[in-house]
């Protein structure tokens, strides 16, 4: 295909266009890298969510099975309770650590009804 006109640019203009093109290519590369990292992160979070859910079910089941063991003395039960209280405290510490630096969600906007 040929165009019915010709554009002539001096070397400075061509250099400026080439520089801008290079910057755009770098930006596109960075954007693609960010998207790939975000995709990886989303997959990891999904896996962690599944793993945490399975661990929670396992711990609850373990706690239920231990509670059902006949002949547990109050001293043993106190130790068991301490272990599960520590697990609960660790859960809360993990949740608190994940919230560090995360701004609180804004309050919902209430729109009065139109009368």
Protein backbone atom coordinates (compact mmCIF):
# COMPACT_ATOMS: atom_id res chain seq x y z
CA UNK A 1 0.00 0.00 0.00
CA UNK A 2 1.34 3.42 -0.82
CA UNK A 3 0.20 6.74 0.48
CA UNK A 4 -0.47 9.68 -1.82
CA UNK A 5 1.65 11.96 0.35
CA UNK A 6 5.08 12.05 1.95
CA UNK A 7 5.99 13.17 5.45
CA UNK A 8 9.47 14.46 5.99
CA UNK A 9 10.86 14.82 9.50
CA UNK A 10 14.20 16.07 10.64
CA UNK A 11 16.49 13.75 12.62
CA UNK A 12 15.56 15.41 15.94
CA UNK A 13 11.87 14.69 15.39
CA UNK A 14 12.61 11.10 14.38
CA UNK A 15 14.74 10.65 17.50
CA UNK A 16 11.93 12.06 19.66
CA UNK A 17 9.41 9.69 18.07
CA UNK A 18 11.77 6.74 18.59
CA UNK A 19 12.30 7.75 22.23
CA UNK A 20 8.54 7.98 22.83
CA UNK A 21 8.03 4.61 21.11
CA UNK A 22 10.68 3.05 23.37
CA UNK A 23 8.95 4.49 26.42
CA UNK A 24 5.61 3.09 25.28
CA UNK A 25 7.17 -0.35 24.74
CA UNK A 26 8.69 -0.23 28.24
CA UNK A 27 5.32 0.77 29.68
CA UNK A 28 3.59 -2.07 27.87
CA UNK A 29 6.20 -4.55 29.12
CA UNK A 30 5.76 -3.32 32.70
CA UNK A 31 1.97 -3.50 32.40
CA UNK A 32 2.20 -7.08 31.10
CA UNK A 33 4.56 -8.00 33.97
CA UNK A 34 2.18 -6.47 36.51
CA UNK A 35 -0.76 -8.37 35.03
CA UNK A 36 1.20 -11.64 35.19
CA UNK A 37 2.17 -10.98 38.82
CA UNK A 38 -1.45 -10.16 39.70
CA UNK A 39 -2.64 -13.37 38.05
CA UNK A 40 -0.07 -15.35 40.05
CA UNK A 41 -1.09 -13.57 43.23
CA UNK A 42 -4.79 -14.27 42.64
CA UNK A 43 -3.99 -17.97 42.14
CA UNK A 44 -1.87 -18.07 45.31
CA UNK A 45 -4.59 -16.36 47.36
CA UNK A 46 -7.17 -18.84 46.08
CA UNK A 47 -4.89 -21.73 47.05
CA UNK A 48 -4.23 -20.23 50.48
CA UNK A 49 -7.95 -19.68 51.03
CA UNK A 50 -8.63 -23.32 50.24
CA UNK A 51 -5.77 -24.45 52.48
CA UNK A 52 -6.90 -22.23 55.36
CA UNK A 53 -10.46 -23.54 55.05
CA UNK A 54 -9.22 -27.13 55.12
CA UNK A 55 -7.00 -26.40 58.11
CA UNK A 56 -9.89 -24.79 59.97
CA UNK A 57 -12.09 -27.84 59.36
CA UNK A 58 -9.25 -30.13 60.43
CA UNK A 59 -8.62 -28.21 63.65
CA UNK A 60 -12.32 -28.14 64.54
CA UNK A 61 -12.60 -31.87 63.85
CA UNK A 62 -9.51 -32.54 65.94
CA UNK A 63 -10.90 -30.47 68.79
CA UNK A 64 -14.21 -32.38 68.61
CA UNK A 65 -12.47 -35.77 68.57
CA UNK A 66 -10.24 -34.87 71.52
CA UNK A 67 -13.24 -33.63 73.49
CA UNK A 68 -15.00 -36.96 72.88
CA UNK A 69 -12.16 -39.05 74.35
CA UNK A 70 -13.43 -40.65 77.55
CA UNK A 71 -11.48 -40.29 80.77
CA UNK A 72 -9.82 -36.93 80.12
CA UNK A 73 -8.82 -35.40 83.43
CA UNK A 74 -9.46 -31.73 84.13
CA UNK A 75 -5.68 -31.14 83.98
CA UNK A 76 -5.43 -32.70 80.50
CA UNK A 77 -8.54 -30.81 79.38
CA UNK A 78 -6.96 -27.55 80.59
CA UNK A 79 -3.87 -28.26 78.49
CA UNK A 80 -6.01 -29.09 75.47
CA UNK A 81 -7.99 -25.88 75.95
CA UNK A 82 -4.71 -23.94 76.15
CA UNK A 83 -3.53 -25.43 72.86
CA UNK A 84 -6.74 -24.52 71.04
CA UNK A 85 -6.81 -21.06 72.63
CA UNK A 86 -3.30 -20.55 71.25
CA UNK A 87 -4.46 -21.64 67.79
CA UNK A 88 -7.33 -19.13 68.03
CA UNK A 89 -4.93 -16.39 69.18
CA UNK A 90 -2.62 -17.16 66.26
CA UNK A 91 -5.57 -16.95 63.85
CA UNK A 92 -6.47 -13.53 65.22
CA UNK A 93 -2.83 -12.37 65.03
CA UNK A 94 -2.62 -13.43 61.39
CA UNK A 95 -5.83 -11.56 60.55
CA UNK A 96 -4.60 -8.47 62.42
CA UNK A 97 -1.24 -8.59 60.61
CA UNK A 98 -2.99 -8.81 57.25
CA UNK A 99 -4.93 -5.63 58.06
CA UNK A 100 -1.82 -3.55 58.79
CA UNK A 101 -1.62 -0.72 56.30
CA UNK A 102 -5.01 -1.49 54.80
CA UNK A 103 -7.36 1.47 55.11
CA UNK A 104 -10.77 0.70 56.58
CA UNK A 105 -13.65 0.36 54.17
CA UNK A 106 -15.58 3.59 53.77
CA UNK A 107 -19.02 3.80 55.31
CA UNK A 108 -21.80 3.18 52.82
CA UNK A 109 -23.43 6.26 51.40
CA UNK A 110 -27.04 6.56 52.44
CA UNK A 111 -29.22 8.13 49.79
CA UNK A 112 -32.51 9.47 51.16
CA UNK A 113 -35.59 8.39 49.24
CA UNK A 114 -37.05 10.86 46.81
CA UNK A 115 -40.53 11.89 47.87
